[in-house]
């Protein structure tokens, strides 16, 4: 992500990827607070689904600017895939 951040200051075409990157960080932090802090399983499921969409959007936006920066997103996408599955599973298995 440093590669994309560096290019943010060099080229105007990198503003959208960096904004998406910052949004995914904010939504990820919100998901942690919602799911773990407030124990809002359904609200957390919505938040992490938004996070998942933002991650893929960021990946494809980075891909247009710098393929290496996009590839560095894949581990995060991987763990959020698992976390999204777990979050929705917890909700679906415990709903009344």
PDB file of N, CA and C in Angstrom:
ATOM      1  N   UNK A   1       0.814  -1.176   0.000  1.00  0.00           N
ATOM      2  CA  UNK A   1       0.000   0.000   0.000  1.00  0.00           C
ATOM      3  C   UNK A   1       0.867   1.253   0.000  1.00  0.00           C
ATOM      4  N   UNK A   2       2.101   1.111   0.487  1.00  0.00           N
ATOM      5  CA  UNK A   2       3.024   2.239   0.414  1.00  0.00           C
ATOM      6  C   UNK A   2       3.262   2.639  -1.031  1.00  0.00           C
ATOM      7  N   UNK A   3       3.316   1.643  -1.915  1.00  0.00           N
ATOM      8  CA  UNK A   3       3.540   1.935  -3.330  1.00  0.00           C
ATOM      9  C   UNK A   3       2.420   2.802  -3.894  1.00  0.00           C
ATOM     10  N   UNK A   4       1.190   2.462  -3.548  1.00  0.00           N
ATOM     11  CA  UNK A   4       0.053   3.251  -4.017  1.00  0.00           C
ATOM     12  C   UNK A   4       0.023   4.621  -3.346  1.00  0.00           C
ATOM     13  N   UNK A   5       0.361   4.675  -2.066  1.00  0.00           N
ATOM     14  CA  UNK A   5       0.365   5.951  -1.353  1.00  0.00           C
ATOM     15  C   UNK A   5       1.401   6.898  -1.951  1.00  0.00           C
ATOM     16  N   UNK A   6       2.560   6.360  -2.294  1.00  0.00           N
ATOM     17  CA  UNK A   6       3.595   7.177  -2.925  1.00  0.00           C
ATOM     18  C   UNK A   6       3.084   7.746  -4.250  1.00  0.00           C
ATOM     19  N   UNK A   7       2.406   6.931  -5.022  1.00  0.00           N
ATOM     20  CA  UNK A   7       1.900   7.389  -6.310  1.00  0.00           C
ATOM     21  C   UNK A   7       0.738   8.367  -6.153  1.00  0.00           C
ATOM     22  N   UNK A   8       0.064   8.312  -5.002  1.00  0.00           N
ATOM     23  CA  UNK A   8      -1.031   9.251  -4.742  1.00  0.00           C
ATOM     24  C   UNK A   8      -0.551  10.689  -4.882  1.00  0.00           C
ATOM     25  N   UNK A   9       0.644  10.936  -4.384  1.00  0.00           N
ATOM     26  CA  UNK A   9       1.183  12.281  -4.412  1.00  0.00           C
ATOM     27  C   UNK A   9       1.802  12.627  -5.764  1.00  0.00           C
ATOM     28  N   UNK A  10       2.090  11.607  -6.570  1.00  0.00           N
ATOM     29  CA  UNK A  10       2.703  11.848  -7.869  1.00  0.00           C
ATOM     30  C   UNK A  10       1.694  11.975  -9.005  1.00  0.00           C
ATOM     31  N   UNK A  11       0.586  11.242  -8.920  1.00  0.00           N
ATOM     32  CA  UNK A  11      -0.366  11.185 -10.024  1.00  0.00           C
ATOM     33  C   UNK A  11      -1.792  11.391  -9.510  1.00  0.00           C
ATOM     34  N   UNK A  12      -2.600  12.092 -10.280  1.00  0.00           N
ATOM     35  CA  UNK A  12      -3.972  12.339  -9.863  1.00  0.00           C
ATOM     36  C   UNK A  12      -4.864  11.101 -10.031  1.00  0.00           C
ATOM     37  N   UNK A  13      -4.433  10.113 -10.826  1.00  0.00           N
ATOM     38  CA  UNK A  13      -5.245   8.913 -11.059  1.00  0.00           C
ATOM     39  C   UNK A  13      -5.276   7.981  -9.850  1.00  0.00           C
ATOM     40  N   UNK A  14      -4.491   8.268  -8.825  1.00  0.00           N
ATOM     41  CA  UNK A  14      -4.437   7.381  -7.666  1.00  0.00           C
ATOM     42  C   UNK A  14      -5.312   7.840  -6.511  1.00  0.00           C
ATOM     43  N   UNK A  15      -6.048   8.912  -6.680  1.00  0.00           N
ATOM     44  CA  UNK A  15      -6.857   9.416  -5.568  1.00  0.00           C
ATOM     45  C   UNK A  15      -7.992   8.464  -5.188  1.00  0.00           C
ATOM     46  N   UNK A  16      -8.692   7.902  -6.156  1.00  0.00           N
ATOM     47  CA  UNK A  16      -9.793   6.976  -5.851  1.00  0.00           C
ATOM     48  C   UNK A  16      -9.286   5.734  -5.118  1.00  0.00           C
ATOM     49  N   UNK A  17      -8.203   5.097  -5.570  1.00  0.00           N
ATOM     50  CA  UNK A  17      -7.716   3.933  -4.818  1.00  0.00           C
ATOM     51  C   UNK A  17      -7.347   4.252  -3.371  1.00  0.00           C
ATOM     52  N   UNK A  18      -6.739   5.384  -3.132  1.00  0.00           N
ATOM     53  CA  UNK A  18      -6.348   5.741  -1.765  1.00  0.00           C
ATOM     54  C   UNK A  18      -7.575   6.056  -0.915  1.00  0.00           C
ATOM     55  N   UNK A  19      -8.561   6.709  -1.501  1.00  0.00           N
ATOM     56  CA  UNK A  19      -9.803   6.974  -0.759  1.00  0.00           C
ATOM     57  C   UNK A  19     -10.479   5.653  -0.398  1.00  0.00           C
ATOM     58  N   UNK A  20     -10.531   4.716  -1.348  1.00  0.00           N
ATOM     59  CA  UNK A  20     -11.102   3.393  -1.055  1.00  0.00           C
ATOM     60  C   UNK A  20     -10.309   2.685   0.032  1.00  0.00           C
ATOM     61  N   UNK A  21      -8.992   2.811  -0.026  1.00  0.00           N
ATOM     62  CA  UNK A  21      -8.143   2.186   0.986  1.00  0.00           C
ATOM     63  C   UNK A  21      -8.456   2.743   2.381  1.00  0.00           C
ATOM     64  N   UNK A  22      -8.566   4.053   2.477  1.00  0.00           N
ATOM     65  CA  UNK A  22      -8.886   4.681   3.766  1.00  0.00           C
ATOM     66  C   UNK A  22     -10.278   4.284   4.245  1.00  0.00           C
ATOM     67  N   UNK A  23     -11.223   4.202   3.325  1.00  0.00           N
ATOM     68  CA  UNK A  23     -12.577   3.764   3.690  1.00  0.00           C
ATOM     69  C   UNK A  23     -12.567   2.334   4.222  1.00  0.00           C
ATOM     70  N   UNK A  24     -11.805   1.456   3.590  1.00  0.00           N
ATOM     71  CA  UNK A  24     -11.777   0.071   4.071  1.00  0.00           C
ATOM     72  C   UNK A  24     -11.163  -0.011   5.466  1.00  0.00           C
ATOM     73  N   UNK A  25     -10.183   0.836   5.748  1.00  0.00           N
ATOM     74  CA  UNK A  25      -9.619   0.861   7.104  1.00  0.00           C
ATOM     75  C   UNK A  25     -10.649   1.331   8.120  1.00  0.00           C
ATOM     76  N   UNK A  26     -11.416   2.365   7.771  1.00  0.00           N
ATOM     77  CA  UNK A  26     -12.435   2.900   8.681  1.00  0.00           C
ATOM     78  C   UNK A  26     -13.547   1.887   8.914  1.00  0.00           C
ATOM     79  N   UNK A  27     -14.009   1.239   7.854  1.00  0.00           N
ATOM     80  CA  UNK A  27     -15.086   0.249   7.998  1.00  0.00           C
ATOM     81  C   UNK A  27     -14.579  -0.975   8.760  1.00  0.00           C
ATOM     82  N   UNK A  28     -13.337  -1.362   8.538  1.00  0.00           N
ATOM     83  CA  UNK A  28     -12.759  -2.479   9.294  1.00  0.00           C
ATOM     84  C   UNK A  28     -12.705  -2.181  10.786  1.00  0.00           C
ATOM     85  N   UNK A  29     -12.331  -0.967  11.123  1.00  0.00           N
ATOM     86  CA  UNK A  29     -12.318  -0.559  12.530  1.00  0.00           C
ATOM     87  C   UNK A  29     -13.734  -0.535  13.098  1.00  0.00           C
ATOM     88  N   UNK A  30     -14.675  -0.038  12.309  1.00  0.00           N
ATOM     89  CA  UNK A  30     -16.076  -0.019  12.752  1.00  0.00           C
ATOM     90  C   UNK A  30     -16.589  -1.436  12.979  1.00  0.00           C
ATOM     91  N   UNK A  31     -16.238  -2.370  12.088  1.00  0.00           N
ATOM     92  CA  UNK A  31     -16.668  -3.756  12.260  1.00  0.00           C
ATOM     93  C   UNK A  31     -16.133  -4.325  13.575  1.00  0.00           C
ATOM     94  N   UNK A  32     -14.862  -4.067  13.891  1.00  0.00           N
ATOM     95  CA  UNK A  32     -14.297  -4.550  15.159  1.00  0.00           C
ATOM     96  C   UNK A  32     -15.093  -4.029  16.345  1.00  0.00           C
ATOM     97  N   UNK A  33     -15.426  -2.746  16.320  1.00  0.00           N
ATOM     98  CA  UNK A  33     -16.191  -2.155  17.423  1.00  0.00           C
ATOM     99  C   UNK A  33     -17.606  -2.717  17.498  1.00  0.00           C
ATOM    100  N   UNK A  34     -18.249  -2.880  16.347  1.00  0.00           N
ATOM    101  CA  UNK A  34     -19.620  -3.384  16.319  1.00  0.00           C
ATOM    102  C   UNK A  34     -19.671  -4.841  16.764  1.00  0.00           C
ATOM    103  N   UNK A  35     -18.836  -5.674  16.160  1.00  0.00           N
ATOM    104  CA  UNK A  35     -18.913  -7.114  16.416  1.00  0.00           C
ATOM    105  C   UNK A  35     -18.359  -7.489  17.787  1.00  0.00           C
ATOM    106  N   UNK A  36     -17.182  -6.994  18.120  1.00  0.00           N
ATOM    107  CA  UNK A  36     -16.554  -7.376  19.379  1.00  0.00           C
ATOM    108  C   UNK A  36     -16.964  -6.464  20.531  1.00  0.00           C
ATOM    109  N   UNK A  37     -17.015  -5.165  20.284  1.00  0.00           N
ATOM    110  CA  UNK A  37     -17.333  -4.227  21.357  1.00  0.00           C
ATOM    111  C   UNK A  37     -18.791  -4.250  21.762  1.00  0.00           C
ATOM    112  N   UNK A  38     -19.682  -4.122  20.789  1.00  0.00           N
ATOM    113  CA  UNK A  38     -21.109  -4.072  21.071  1.00  0.00           C
ATOM    114  C   UNK A  38     -21.802  -5.416  20.908  1.00  0.00           C
ATOM    115  N   UNK A  39     -21.064  -6.407  20.437  1.00  0.00           N
ATOM    116  CA  UNK A  39     -21.583  -7.760  20.193  1.00  0.00           C
ATOM    117  C   UNK A  39     -22.833  -7.721  19.310  1.00  0.00           C
ATOM    118  N   UNK A  40     -22.798  -6.843  18.320  1.00  0.00           N
ATOM    119  CA  UNK A  40     -23.883  -6.737  17.349  1.00  0.00           C
ATOM    120  C   UNK A  40     -23.596  -7.646  16.171  1.00  0.00           C
ATOM    121  N   UNK A  41     -24.083  -8.871  16.252  1.00  0.00           N
ATOM    122  CA  UNK A  41     -23.742  -9.871  15.247  1.00  0.00           C
ATOM    123  C   UNK A  41     -24.340  -9.513  13.881  1.00  0.00           C
ATOM    124  N   UNK A  42     -25.614  -9.149  13.827  1.00  0.00           N
ATOM    125  CA  UNK A  42     -26.222  -8.803  12.551  1.00  0.00           C
ATOM    126  C   UNK A  42     -25.628  -7.509  11.998  1.00  0.00           C
ATOM    127  N   UNK A  43     -25.492  -6.503  12.839  1.00  0.00           N
ATOM    128  CA  UNK A  43     -24.898  -5.248  12.392  1.00  0.00           C
ATOM    129  C   UNK A  43     -23.448  -5.472  11.955  1.00  0.00           C
ATOM    130  N   UNK A  44     -22.746  -6.338  12.669  1.00  0.00           N
ATOM    131  CA  UNK A  44     -21.386  -6.688  12.276  1.00  0.00           C
ATOM    132  C   UNK A  44     -21.340  -7.397  10.933  1.00  0.00           C
ATOM    133  N   UNK A  45     -22.339  -8.243  10.677  1.00  0.00           N
ATOM    134  CA  UNK A  45     -22.403  -8.940   9.392  1.00  0.00           C
ATOM    135  C   UNK A  45     -22.586  -7.944   8.251  1.00  0.00           C
ATOM    136  N   UNK A  46     -23.431  -6.950   8.472  1.00  0.00           N
ATOM    137  CA  UNK A  46     -23.602  -5.919   7.443  1.00  0.00           C
ATOM    138  C   UNK A  46     -22.304  -5.130   7.243  1.00  0.00           C
ATOM    139  N   UNK A  47     -21.660  -4.778   8.347  1.00  0.00           N
ATOM    140  CA  UNK A  47     -20.424  -3.988   8.263  1.00  0.00           C
ATOM    141  C   UNK A  47     -19.315  -4.769   7.565  1.00  0.00           C
ATOM    142  N   UNK A  48     -19.170  -6.048   7.896  1.00  0.00           N
ATOM    143  CA  UNK A  48     -18.084  -6.814   7.280  1.00  0.00           C
ATOM    144  C   UNK A  48     -18.378  -7.126   5.817  1.00  0.00           C
ATOM    145  N   UNK A  49     -19.653  -7.196   5.454  1.00  0.00           N
ATOM    146  CA  UNK A  49     -20.003  -7.362   4.042  1.00  0.00           C
ATOM    147  C   UNK A  49     -19.619  -6.105   3.259  1.00  0.00           C
ATOM    148  N   UNK A  50     -19.865  -4.943   3.852  1.00  0.00           N
ATOM    149  CA  UNK A  50     -19.425  -3.690   3.241  1.00  0.00           C
ATOM    150  C   UNK A  50     -17.898  -3.655   3.149  1.00  0.00           C
ATOM    151  N   UNK A  51     -17.228  -4.082   4.211  1.00  0.00           N
ATOM    152  CA  UNK A  51     -15.772  -4.143   4.216  1.00  0.00           C
ATOM    153  C   UNK A  51     -15.265  -5.042   3.091  1.00  0.00           C
ATOM    154  N   UNK A  52     -15.895  -6.190   2.923  1.00  0.00           N
ATOM    155  CA  UNK A  52     -15.496  -7.146   1.878  1.00  0.00           C
ATOM    156  C   UNK A  52     -15.619  -6.506   0.494  1.00  0.00           C
ATOM    157  N   UNK A  53     -16.716  -5.799   0.267  1.00  0.00           N
ATOM    158  CA  UNK A  53     -16.912  -5.110  -1.018  1.00  0.00           C
ATOM    159  C   UNK A  53     -15.867  -4.012  -1.214  1.00  0.00           C
ATOM    160  N   UNK A  54     -15.576  -3.275  -0.158  1.00  0.00           N
ATOM    161  CA  UNK A  54     -14.554  -2.229  -0.254  1.00  0.00           C
ATOM    162  C   UNK A  54     -13.178  -2.808  -0.533  1.00  0.00           C
ATOM    163  N   UNK A  55     -12.870  -3.954   0.067  1.00  0.00           N
ATOM    164  CA  UNK A  55     -11.572  -4.585  -0.176  1.00  0.00           C
ATOM    165  C   UNK A  55     -11.407  -4.972  -1.638  1.00  0.00           C
ATOM    166  N   UNK A  56     -12.443  -5.588  -2.203  1.00  0.00           N
ATOM    167  CA  UNK A  56     -12.351  -5.969  -3.615  1.00  0.00           C
ATOM    168  C   UNK A  56     -12.303  -4.729  -4.502  1.00  0.00           C
ATOM    169  N   UNK A  57     -13.055  -3.707  -4.158  1.00  0.00           N
ATOM    170  CA  UNK A  57     -13.005  -2.461  -4.928  1.00  0.00           C
ATOM    171  C   UNK A  57     -11.614  -1.844  -4.862  1.00  0.00           C
ATOM    172  N   UNK A  58     -11.024  -1.860  -3.676  1.00  0.00           N
ATOM    173  CA  UNK A  58      -9.671  -1.336  -3.501  1.00  0.00           C
ATOM    174  C   UNK A  58      -8.669  -2.164  -4.294  1.00  0.00           C
ATOM    175  N   UNK A  59      -8.815  -3.482  -4.247  1.00  0.00           N
ATOM    176  CA  UNK A  59      -7.929  -4.371  -5.004  1.00  0.00           C
ATOM    177  C   UNK A  59      -7.937  -4.009  -6.484  1.00  0.00           C
ATOM    178  N   UNK A  60      -9.124  -3.895  -7.077  1.00  0.00           N
ATOM    179  CA  UNK A  60      -9.212  -3.598  -8.508  1.00  0.00           C
ATOM    180  C   UNK A  60      -8.761  -2.173  -8.833  1.00  0.00           C
ATOM    181  N   UNK A  61      -9.003  -1.238  -7.911  1.00  0.00           N
ATOM    182  CA  UNK A  61      -8.520   0.130  -8.122  1.00  0.00           C
ATOM    183  C   UNK A  61      -6.992   0.164  -8.057  1.00  0.00           C
ATOM    184  N   UNK A  62      -6.392  -0.554  -7.100  1.00  0.00           N
ATOM    185  CA  UNK A  62      -4.938  -0.634  -7.011  1.00  0.00           C
ATOM    186  C   UNK A  62      -4.348  -1.329  -8.240  1.00  0.00           C
ATOM    187  N   UNK A  63      -5.047  -2.323  -8.750  1.00  0.00           N
ATOM    188  CA  UNK A  63      -4.566  -3.084  -9.897  1.00  0.00           C
ATOM    189  C   UNK A  63      -4.345  -2.175 -11.103  1.00  0.00           C
ATOM    190  N   UNK A  64      -5.179  -1.174 -11.248  1.00  0.00           N
ATOM    191  CA  UNK A  64      -5.035  -0.225 -12.360  1.00  0.00           C
ATOM    192  C   UNK A  64      -3.818   0.682 -12.178  1.00  0.00           C
ATOM    193  N   UNK A  65      -3.409   0.888 -10.923  1.00  0.00           N
ATOM    194  CA  UNK A  65      -2.307   1.802 -10.637  1.00  0.00           C
ATOM    195  C   UNK A  65      -0.988   1.048 -10.487  1.00  0.00           C
ATOM    196  N   UNK A  66      -1.006  -0.032  -9.688  1.00  0.00           N
ATOM    197  CA  UNK A  66       0.214  -0.776  -9.410  1.00  0.00           C
ATOM    198  C   UNK A  66      -0.175  -2.205  -9.020  1.00  0.00           C
ATOM    199  N   UNK A  67       0.186  -3.164  -9.841  1.00  0.00           N
ATOM    200  CA  UNK A  67      -0.201  -4.556  -9.604  1.00  0.00           C
ATOM    201  C   UNK A  67       0.368  -5.093  -8.295  1.00  0.00           C
ATOM    202  N   UNK A  68       1.574  -4.685  -7.929  1.00  0.00           N
ATOM    203  CA  UNK A  68       2.157  -5.157  -6.677  1.00  0.00           C
ATOM    204  C   UNK A  68       1.353  -4.687  -5.472  1.00  0.00           C
ATOM    205  N   UNK A  69       0.914  -3.445  -5.507  1.00  0.00           N
ATOM    206  CA  UNK A  69       0.089  -2.932  -4.404  1.00  0.00           C
ATOM    207  C   UNK A  69      -1.212  -3.720  -4.306  1.00  0.00           C
ATOM    208  N   UNK A  70      -1.782  -4.082  -5.445  1.00  0.00           N
ATOM    209  CA  UNK A  70      -3.023  -4.876  -5.441  1.00  0.00           C
ATOM    210  C   UNK A  70      -2.764  -6.255  -4.840  1.00  0.00           C
ATOM    211  N   UNK A  71      -1.665  -6.870  -5.199  1.00  0.00           N
ATOM    212  CA  UNK A  71      -1.362  -8.209  -4.681  1.00  0.00           C
ATOM    213  C   UNK A  71      -1.186  -8.212  -3.165  1.00  0.00           C
ATOM    214  N   UNK A  72      -0.699  -7.114  -2.624  1.00  0.00           N
ATOM    215  CA  UNK A  72      -0.549  -7.023  -1.168  1.00  0.00           C
ATOM    216  C   UNK A  72      -1.897  -6.988  -0.444  1.00  0.00           C
ATOM    217  N   UNK A  73      -2.969  -6.737  -1.169  1.00  0.00           N
ATOM    218  CA  UNK A  73      -4.311  -6.741  -0.579  1.00  0.00           C
ATOM    219  C   UNK A  73      -4.857  -8.160  -0.394  1.00  0.00           C
ATOM    220  N   UNK A  74      -4.317  -9.119  -1.134  1.00  0.00           N
ATOM    221  CA  UNK A  74      -4.893 -10.464  -1.127  1.00  0.00           C
ATOM    222  C   UNK A  74      -4.898 -11.158   0.239  1.00  0.00           C
ATOM    223  N   UNK A  75      -3.854 -11.047   1.066  1.00  0.00           N
ATOM    224  CA  UNK A  75      -3.947 -11.666   2.400  1.00  0.00           C
ATOM    225  C   UNK A  75      -5.085 -11.092   3.248  1.00  0.00           C
ATOM    226  N   UNK A  76      -5.290  -9.784   3.156  1.00  0.00           N
ATOM    227  CA  UNK A  76      -6.390  -9.168   3.893  1.00  0.00           C
ATOM    228  C   UNK A  76      -7.727  -9.652   3.367  1.00  0.00           C
ATOM    229  N   UNK A  77      -7.855  -9.729   2.040  1.00  0.00           N
ATOM    230  CA  UNK A  77      -9.086 -10.247   1.445  1.00  0.00           C
ATOM    231  C   UNK A  77      -9.327 -11.679   1.911  1.00  0.00           C
ATOM    232  N   UNK A  78      -8.251 -12.462   2.014  1.00  0.00           N
ATOM    233  CA  UNK A  78      -8.377 -13.847   2.475  1.00  0.00           C
ATOM    234  C   UNK A  78      -8.931 -13.952   3.881  1.00  0.00           C
ATOM    235  N   UNK A  79      -8.354 -13.205   4.824  1.00  0.00           N
ATOM    236  CA  UNK A  79      -8.851 -13.337   6.195  1.00  0.00           C
ATOM    237  C   UNK A  79     -10.230 -12.725   6.352  1.00  0.00           C
ATOM    238  N   UNK A  80     -10.544 -11.676   5.589  1.00  0.00           N
ATOM    239  CA  UNK A  80     -11.883 -11.095   5.675  1.00  0.00           C
ATOM    240  C   UNK A  80     -12.916 -12.039   5.062  1.00  0.00           C
ATOM    241  N   UNK A  81     -12.523 -12.837   4.091  1.00  0.00           N
ATOM    242  CA  UNK A  81     -13.415 -13.870   3.562  1.00  0.00           C
ATOM    243  C   UNK A  81     -13.797 -14.846   4.666  1.00  0.00           C
ATOM    244  N   UNK A  82     -12.805 -15.290   5.424  1.00  0.00           N
ATOM    245  CA  UNK A  82     -13.059 -16.208   6.538  1.00  0.00           C
ATOM    246  C   UNK A  82     -13.898 -15.514   7.610  1.00  0.00           C
ATOM    247  N   UNK A  83     -13.533 -14.296   7.973  1.00  0.00           N
ATOM    248  CA  UNK A  83     -14.263 -13.568   9.018  1.00  0.00           C
ATOM    249  C   UNK A  83     -15.707 -13.287   8.603  1.00  0.00           C
ATOM    250  N   UNK A  84     -15.931 -12.979   7.330  1.00  0.00           N
ATOM    251  CA  UNK A  84     -17.291 -12.740   6.842  1.00  0.00           C
ATOM    252  C   UNK A  84     -18.127 -14.004   6.943  1.00  0.00           C
ATOM    253  N   UNK A  85     -17.541 -15.117   6.537  1.00  0.00           N
ATOM    254  CA  UNK A  85     -18.231 -16.403   6.629  1.00  0.00           C
ATOM    255  C   UNK A  85     -18.574 -16.735   8.078  1.00  0.00           C
ATOM    256  N   UNK A  86     -17.626 -16.528   8.965  1.00  0.00           N
ATOM    257  CA  UNK A  86     -17.870 -16.809  10.385  1.00  0.00           C
ATOM    258  C   UNK A  86     -18.939 -15.881  10.964  1.00  0.00           C
ATOM    259  N   UNK A  87     -18.853 -14.600  10.642  1.00  0.00           N
ATOM    260  CA  UNK A  87     -19.815 -13.637  11.172  1.00  0.00           C
ATOM    261  C   UNK A  87     -21.231 -13.994  10.734  1.00  0.00           C
ATOM    262  N   UNK A  88     -21.423 -14.243   9.444  1.00  0.00           N
ATOM    263  CA  UNK A  88     -22.757 -14.608   8.962  1.00  0.00           C
ATOM    264  C   UNK A  88     -23.198 -15.960   9.516  1.00  0.00           C
ATOM    265  N   UNK A  89     -22.278 -16.902   9.670  1.00  0.00           N
ATOM    266  CA  UNK A  89     -22.623 -18.204  10.249  1.00  0.00           C
ATOM    267  C   UNK A  89     -23.092 -18.067  11.687  1.00  0.00           C
ATOM    268  N   UNK A  90     -22.398 -17.250  12.461  1.00  0.00           N
ATOM    269  CA  UNK A  90     -22.792 -17.012  13.858  1.00  0.00           C
ATOM    270  C   UNK A  90     -24.207 -16.424  13.899  1.00  0.00           C
ATOM    271  N   UNK A  91     -24.467 -15.456  13.022  1.00  0.00           N
ATOM    272  CA  UNK A  91     -25.801 -14.853  12.995  1.00  0.00           C
ATOM    273  C   UNK A  91     -26.857 -15.894  12.612  1.00  0.00           C
ATOM    274  N   UNK A  92     -26.626 -16.611  11.528  1.00  0.00           N
ATOM    275  CA  UNK A  92     -27.636 -17.551  11.033  1.00  0.00           C
ATOM    276  C   UNK A  92     -27.880 -18.718  11.979  1.00  0.00           C
ATOM    277  N   UNK A  93     -26.847 -19.169  12.675  1.00  0.00           N
ATOM    278  CA  UNK A  93     -27.000 -20.287  13.604  1.00  0.00           C
ATOM    279  C   UNK A  93     -27.620 -19.876  14.939  1.00  0.00           C
ATOM    280  N   UNK A  94     -27.602 -18.599  15.243  1.00  0.00           N
ATOM    281  CA  UNK A  94     -28.100 -18.142  16.553  1.00  0.00           C
ATOM    282  C   UNK A  94     -29.328 -17.265  16.474  1.00  0.00           C
ATOM    283  N   UNK A  95     -29.903 -17.098  15.307  1.00  0.00           N
ATOM    284  CA  UNK A  95     -31.113 -16.266  15.216  1.00  0.00           C
ATOM    285  C   UNK A  95     -32.305 -17.021  15.784  1.00  0.00           C
ATOM    286  N   UNK A  96     -33.264 -16.265  16.241  1.00  0.00           N
ATOM    287  CA  UNK A  96     -34.432 -16.895  16.886  1.00  0.00           C
ATOM    288  C   UNK A  96     -35.669 -16.598  16.100  1.00  0.00           C
TER     289      UNK A  96
END
